[in-house]
Structure formats: C-alpha cells, structure tokens
Amino acid sequence: IWPVGRSWGMGFSWSSDIAQEMLLGVCSDARLHEDAILSVDCPFPEDLNGTFALATDDVMLFSRRGLGESLATATELDLSLERAGVAKHEAKDIDDALTA
C-alpha cells in the first residue's frame, strides 16, 4: 500500500503542467474557452472583449468592456473552481480592477 497525496507539490517539473491542465478544465467549465486564451501556444484571440491567461495556478481575466463587466465571468469562474474542489488564495483574488 502506498499513500496517495490529494495535492501536487510545487517545485517538481510536472507540477506546473498539471496545474495548468486542471485550470484549463475549470476555465472551460466556466465558459472560458481556448479561443479566448492569451498564450504563446494558441492563436491570438479575434475578440478581445473577454480574454484570459493562465500562469501555473493563477487565472487572469481581461476585459475591454469597462468596470463591472468582468464580474459575471469572475463569479462563474469562482463557482467552477468551487465545483472542482480548487481552493482559492483569497489574498490574490482581485475582481474587476483596472490594475492589480
């Protein structure tokens, strides 16, 4: 019998890849699809009104629609994170800010 962890330790070569793959699924559940992602591995989005990017275990939402317009997307992402059992880092959770 081998104990199995419920989380992956950071610092291993594969941990960032697993975190990003997990978050891509969470983002898809929140209706953030890969045609809106800002990444060097994907074509540049045609519509910049609602884009997002991932950095290891962080999701960044971008909107050109002005203050208040990204809150619905952020709320949907929060619900998707909760459904997936992903704990948020509350100190890093910033919604609807022009600069963060």
Foldseek 3Di string as FASTA:
>chain_A
DDDDDPADDPDDPCQLVVLVVVLQVLLVQLVQHPLQEDDPVDPHHPDQQWHWYDDSNDIGIDGPPAAPPCVSSLVSSVVSCVVVVHDDPVVPDDPRDPPD
